[in-house]
Amino acid sequence: MPAALRTADRLRAFGLRPELRPLLEVRPVDGQRDLSGVGALAFSSVNGVREFARRERRRDLPVFAVGDATAQAALVAGFPQVRSASGDVGDLARLILDHRARIRGHLLWAGAREPAGDLAGALAPGGVETRTCVVYETASVMDDAEIAAVLDDAADPFAAVLVHSPRAGRRLAEALVGPRQGLEFVCISSAAAEPLAAKGLSARTADRPNEAQMLRRLLEALGERADWRAAFTGSPSHSGRRVSGRRKRIVRL
């Protein structure tokens, strides 16, 4: 939730009206954590770091993290050797392959039951043997009707939805039937956007998988829409834009 609260603060700074509606909850899974023969750890989410660190005391192994937020979570958890791919799972695989000569043993990938991307598959051609360790799973906290009711509020409609994970994108695509006129889905990655686009929904993808780029894409979307353009004041730069008049309602799921 702290990350969601930071998102809300950033949206308010642009004059937008954020709402936090958790779509998924994280549930710990007591996965096997045999570290014998393991030479490095890989994390593709902040939740993976937190759940692994909560169960495992060792902090001597080097860590490869998918992005800067995940790397920061690893540092906070006490891992001293952390490298960030600053990207997605493909970038993480490339980072690991670049440093494979330094990995003395197997790589342990700790994460979700349904991870975003196939890190082990991407590393196999490069000769990196990867073990997977499931430490959490995500479950929907709203049924299909509840999701539709949130997004179809005609009295005070949302302008956009921020989709922060592929799992959230898939869950929304499962729940929604038909396009949503005037509603933009701004997604952290192509993996999050693809299920929504396949359902005929307007899905935009951040240039890089981080929240700063998501907000940039959101503000670009607001500026492109003819019915929203008049609401903008400030400079053409996204960092100088604010919404005047009735503030646009944005939901973070």
Protein backbone atom coordinates (compact mmCIF):
# COMPACT_ATOMS: atom_id res chain seq x y z
CA MET A 1 0.00 0.00 0.00
CA PRO A 2 2.83 2.57 0.57
CA ALA A 3 3.62 2.41 -3.16
CA ALA A 4 -0.03 3.03 -3.99
CA LEU A 5 -0.10 6.01 -1.63
CA ARG A 6 2.95 7.47 -3.37
CA THR A 7 1.16 7.04 -6.70
CA ALA A 8 -1.83 8.93 -5.33
CA ASP A 9 0.40 11.80 -4.18
CA ARG A 10 2.00 12.07 -7.62
CA LEU A 11 -1.38 12.13 -9.33
CA ARG A 12 -2.62 14.88 -7.00
CA ALA A 13 0.47 16.92 -7.85
CA PHE A 14 -0.76 16.96 -11.46
CA GLY A 15 -4.20 18.11 -10.35
CA LEU A 16 -5.79 14.70 -10.87
CA ARG A 17 -8.17 12.92 -8.52
CA PRO A 18 -6.80 9.48 -7.63
CA GLU A 19 -8.64 6.55 -6.11
CA LEU A 20 -7.03 3.37 -4.84
CA ARG A 21 -9.05 0.22 -5.48
CA PRO A 22 -6.94 -2.88 -4.77
CA LEU A 23 -7.70 -5.51 -7.38
CA LEU A 24 -5.32 -8.21 -6.15
CA GLU A 25 -3.93 -9.29 -2.82
CA VAL A 26 -0.62 -10.99 -2.13
CA ARG A 27 -0.78 -14.34 -0.36
CA PRO A 28 2.43 -15.90 0.96
CA VAL A 29 3.35 -19.39 -0.26
CA ASP A 30 5.75 -21.53 1.72
CA GLY A 31 7.93 -22.60 -1.20
CA GLN A 32 11.05 -24.78 -1.03
CA ARG A 33 14.13 -22.63 -0.38
CA ASP A 34 17.01 -25.06 -0.77
CA LEU A 35 20.04 -22.81 -1.29
CA SER A 36 22.57 -25.62 -1.66
CA GLY A 37 24.54 -24.99 -4.84
CA VAL A 38 22.93 -21.58 -5.40
CA GLY A 39 25.31 -18.83 -6.50
CA ALA A 40 22.92 -15.90 -6.97
CA LEU A 41 19.32 -14.80 -6.52
CA ALA A 42 16.95 -13.21 -9.02
CA PHE A 43 13.84 -11.22 -8.18
CA SER A 44 11.28 -9.98 -10.70
CA SER A 45 9.05 -8.16 -8.21
CA VAL A 46 9.15 -6.27 -4.93
CA ASN A 47 6.77 -8.84 -3.43
CA GLY A 48 9.21 -11.61 -4.34
CA VAL A 49 11.97 -9.87 -2.38
CA ARG A 50 9.79 -9.25 0.66
CA GLU A 51 8.34 -12.74 0.88
CA PHE A 52 11.69 -14.45 0.31
CA ALA A 53 13.51 -12.25 2.82
CA ARG A 54 10.80 -12.83 5.40
CA ARG A 55 11.57 -16.56 5.39
CA GLU A 56 15.28 -16.73 4.57
CA ARG A 57 18.07 -15.36 6.77
CA ARG A 58 20.97 -15.61 4.34
CA ARG A 59 22.06 -12.31 2.81
CA ASP A 60 25.45 -13.22 1.36
CA LEU A 61 24.29 -14.12 -2.18
CA PRO A 62 24.41 -11.53 -4.98
CA VAL A 63 21.04 -10.34 -6.22
CA PHE A 64 19.79 -9.50 -9.70
CA ALA A 65 16.63 -7.37 -9.67
CA VAL A 66 14.24 -6.61 -12.50
CA GLY A 67 13.92 -2.91 -11.72
CA ASP A 68 15.02 -0.13 -9.43
CA ALA A 69 12.11 -0.52 -6.97
CA THR A 70 12.86 -4.24 -6.64
CA ALA A 71 16.57 -3.50 -6.22
CA GLN A 72 15.80 -0.98 -3.49
CA ALA A 73 13.61 -3.54 -1.71
CA ALA A 74 16.53 -6.00 -1.78
CA LEU A 75 18.90 -3.42 -0.33
CA VAL A 76 16.41 -2.57 2.42
CA ALA A 77 16.05 -6.30 3.17
CA GLY A 78 19.80 -6.46 3.81
CA PHE A 79 21.27 -7.85 0.59
CA PRO A 80 24.52 -5.91 0.04
CA GLN A 81 25.24 -6.99 -3.56
CA VAL A 82 22.37 -5.88 -5.79
CA ARG A 83 22.26 -5.14 -9.51
CA SER A 84 19.21 -3.65 -11.21
CA ALA A 85 18.14 -4.32 -14.80
CA SER A 86 15.98 -1.17 -14.71
CA GLY A 87 13.48 -2.85 -17.03
CA ASP A 88 11.42 -5.99 -17.56
CA VAL A 89 12.14 -9.71 -17.39
CA GLY A 90 13.91 -9.60 -20.75
CA ASP A 91 16.25 -6.91 -19.43
CA LEU A 92 16.79 -8.96 -16.27
CA ALA A 93 17.79 -11.99 -18.34
CA ARG A 94 20.28 -9.90 -20.31
CA LEU A 95 21.79 -8.49 -17.12
CA ILE A 96 22.24 -11.97 -15.68
CA LEU A 97 23.78 -13.31 -18.88
CA ASP A 98 26.21 -10.40 -18.91
CA HIS A 99 27.40 -11.48 -15.43
CA ARG A 100 27.01 -15.24 -15.72
CA ALA A 101 30.76 -15.85 -15.34
CA ARG A 102 30.52 -14.48 -11.79
CA ILE A 103 27.68 -16.80 -10.73
CA ARG A 104 29.23 -19.71 -8.84
CA GLY A 105 26.41 -22.21 -8.98
CA HIS A 106 22.73 -22.15 -9.86
CA LEU A 107 20.50 -19.09 -10.00
CA LEU A 108 17.48 -19.12 -7.70
CA TRP A 109 14.51 -17.13 -9.03
CA ALA A 110 12.10 -16.34 -6.18
CA GLY A 111 8.72 -14.90 -7.08
CA ALA A 112 5.07 -15.43 -7.91
CA ARG A 113 3.20 -18.60 -8.72
CA GLU A 114 2.22 -16.92 -12.01
CA PRO A 115 5.28 -14.80 -12.87
CA ALA A 116 5.45 -12.14 -15.56
CA GLY A 117 7.67 -13.68 -18.21
CA ASP A 118 9.82 -16.80 -18.37
CA LEU A 119 13.17 -15.91 -16.88
CA ALA A 120 14.36 -19.52 -16.70
CA GLY A 121 13.53 -20.06 -20.37
CA ALA A 122 15.35 -16.88 -21.38
CA LEU A 123 18.47 -17.92 -19.47
CA ALA A 124 18.65 -21.57 -20.53
CA PRO A 125 20.21 -20.93 -23.99
CA GLY A 126 22.97 -18.98 -22.25
CA GLY A 127 23.84 -21.88 -20.00
CA VAL A 128 22.47 -20.42 -16.76
CA GLU A 129 20.73 -23.13 -14.75
CA THR A 130 17.78 -21.62 -12.93
CA ARG A 131 15.72 -22.97 -10.06
CA THR A 132 12.36 -21.40 -9.30
CA CYS A 133 11.05 -20.77 -5.82
CA VAL A 134 7.40 -19.75 -5.42
CA VAL A 135 7.08 -17.45 -2.40
CA TYR A 136 3.73 -15.78 -3.10
CA GLU A 137 0.62 -15.79 -5.23
CA THR A 138 -1.90 -13.10 -6.09
CA ALA A 139 -5.66 -13.48 -5.82
CA SER A 140 -8.45 -11.19 -6.92
CA VAL A 141 -10.33 -9.40 -4.17
CA MET A 142 -13.22 -8.39 -6.46
CA ASP A 143 -15.48 -10.53 -8.61
CA ASP A 144 -16.32 -9.64 -12.21
CA ALA A 145 -19.48 -7.71 -11.33
CA GLU A 146 -17.64 -5.63 -8.71
CA ILE A 147 -14.87 -4.74 -11.15
CA ALA A 148 -17.38 -3.69 -13.81
CA ALA A 149 -19.34 -1.64 -11.28
CA VAL A 150 -16.22 0.29 -10.26
CA LEU A 151 -15.29 1.16 -13.82
CA ASP A 152 -18.82 1.88 -15.08
CA ASP A 153 -19.71 4.68 -12.66
CA ALA A 154 -21.71 6.89 -15.02
CA ALA A 155 -22.34 9.58 -12.39
CA ASP A 156 -18.63 10.25 -11.87
CA PRO A 157 -16.71 8.30 -14.53
CA PHE A 158 -13.03 7.47 -14.41
CA ALA A 159 -10.80 8.97 -17.07
CA ALA A 160 -8.10 6.32 -16.84
CA VAL A 161 -7.01 3.14 -15.08
CA LEU A 162 -3.40 2.53 -14.03
CA VAL A 163 -2.49 -1.14 -14.45
CA HIS A 164 0.71 -1.99 -12.58
CA SER A 165 1.17 -5.68 -13.39
CA PRO A 166 0.47 -8.29 -16.08
CA ARG A 167 -1.62 -10.23 -13.56
CA ALA A 168 -3.83 -7.17 -13.04
CA GLY A 169 -4.15 -6.74 -16.81
CA ARG A 170 -5.25 -10.35 -17.21
CA ARG A 171 -7.74 -10.07 -14.36
CA LEU A 172 -9.32 -6.92 -15.83
CA ALA A 173 -9.55 -8.56 -19.25
CA GLU A 174 -11.32 -11.54 -17.70
CA ALA A 175 -13.88 -9.33 -15.98
CA LEU A 176 -14.70 -6.76 -18.66
CA VAL A 177 -16.92 -7.42 -21.66
CA GLY A 178 -16.75 -5.00 -24.58
CA PRO A 179 -14.97 -1.64 -24.92
CA ARG A 180 -15.27 1.16 -22.37
CA GLN A 181 -15.92 4.44 -24.18
CA GLY A 182 -13.64 7.23 -22.96
CA LEU A 183 -11.68 5.03 -20.55
CA GLU A 184 -7.92 4.68 -21.02
CA PHE A 185 -5.93 1.79 -19.53
CA VAL A 186 -2.34 2.91 -18.89
CA CYS A 187 -0.15 -0.16 -18.38
CA ILE A 188 3.30 -0.70 -16.96
CA SER A 189 4.33 -3.15 -19.70
CA SER A 190 3.20 -4.76 -22.93
CA ALA A 191 2.45 -7.93 -20.96
CA ALA A 192 -0.03 -5.93 -18.87
CA ALA A 193 -1.54 -4.19 -21.91
CA GLU A 194 -1.92 -7.11 -24.33
CA PRO A 195 -4.88 -8.87 -22.62
CA LEU A 196 -6.77 -5.58 -22.47
CA ALA A 197 -6.05 -4.65 -26.09
CA ALA A 198 -7.22 -8.11 -27.14
CA LYS A 199 -10.61 -7.30 -25.59
CA GLY A 200 -10.89 -4.10 -27.61
CA LEU A 201 -10.00 -1.81 -24.72
CA SER A 202 -7.83 1.27 -25.17
CA ALA A 203 -4.52 0.19 -23.60
CA ARG A 204 -1.36 2.31 -23.60
CA THR A 205 2.05 1.01 -22.56
CA ALA A 206 4.78 2.87 -20.69
CA ASP A 207 8.03 3.25 -22.61
CA ARG A 208 9.85 1.61 -19.71
CA PRO A 209 8.28 -0.54 -16.96
CA ASN A 210 8.28 2.00 -14.15
CA GLU A 211 5.75 4.35 -12.67
CA ALA A 212 7.40 7.54 -13.89
CA GLN A 213 6.94 6.38 -17.46
CA MET A 214 3.37 5.28 -16.72
CA LEU A 215 2.54 8.79 -15.52
CA ARG A 216 4.18 10.28 -18.59
CA ARG A 217 2.00 8.06 -20.79
CA LEU A 218 -1.07 8.99 -18.75
CA LEU A 219 -0.48 12.70 -19.22
CA GLU A 220 0.16 12.20 -22.92
CA ALA A 221 -3.19 10.42 -23.16
CA LEU A 222 -4.94 13.24 -21.33
CA GLY A 223 -3.37 15.79 -23.65
CA GLU A 224 -4.29 13.89 -26.82
CA ARG A 225 -7.97 13.49 -26.06
CA ALA A 226 -9.96 16.38 -27.52
CA ASP A 227 -12.42 16.35 -24.63
CA TRP A 228 -9.57 16.57 -22.11
CA ARG A 229 -7.17 18.91 -23.91
CA ALA A 230 -8.98 22.05 -22.83
CA ALA A 231 -8.57 21.02 -19.20
CA PHE A 232 -4.78 21.30 -19.35
CA THR A 233 -2.89 24.37 -18.20
CA GLY A 234 0.85 24.93 -17.91
CA SER A 235 3.72 24.18 -20.23
CA PRO A 236 3.73 21.55 -22.99
CA SER A 237 6.16 19.48 -20.93
CA HIS A 238 4.41 16.70 -19.05
CA SER A 239 6.13 17.84 -15.85
CA GLY A 240 4.47 21.23 -16.08
CA ARG A 241 0.96 20.14 -16.88
CA ARG A 242 -1.93 20.36 -14.50
CA VAL A 243 -5.61 19.76 -14.95
CA SER A 244 -7.88 22.71 -14.31
CA GLY A 245 -11.60 22.79 -13.71
CA ARG A 246 -13.21 19.50 -12.66
CA ARG A 247 -10.34 17.19 -11.89
CA LYS A 248 -10.10 13.95 -13.82
CA ARG A 249 -10.71 10.79 -11.83
CA ILE A 250 -7.93 8.17 -12.06
CA VAL A 251 -8.06 4.71 -10.50
CA ARG A 252 -5.02 2.64 -9.50
CA LEU A 253 -5.84 -1.05 -9.42
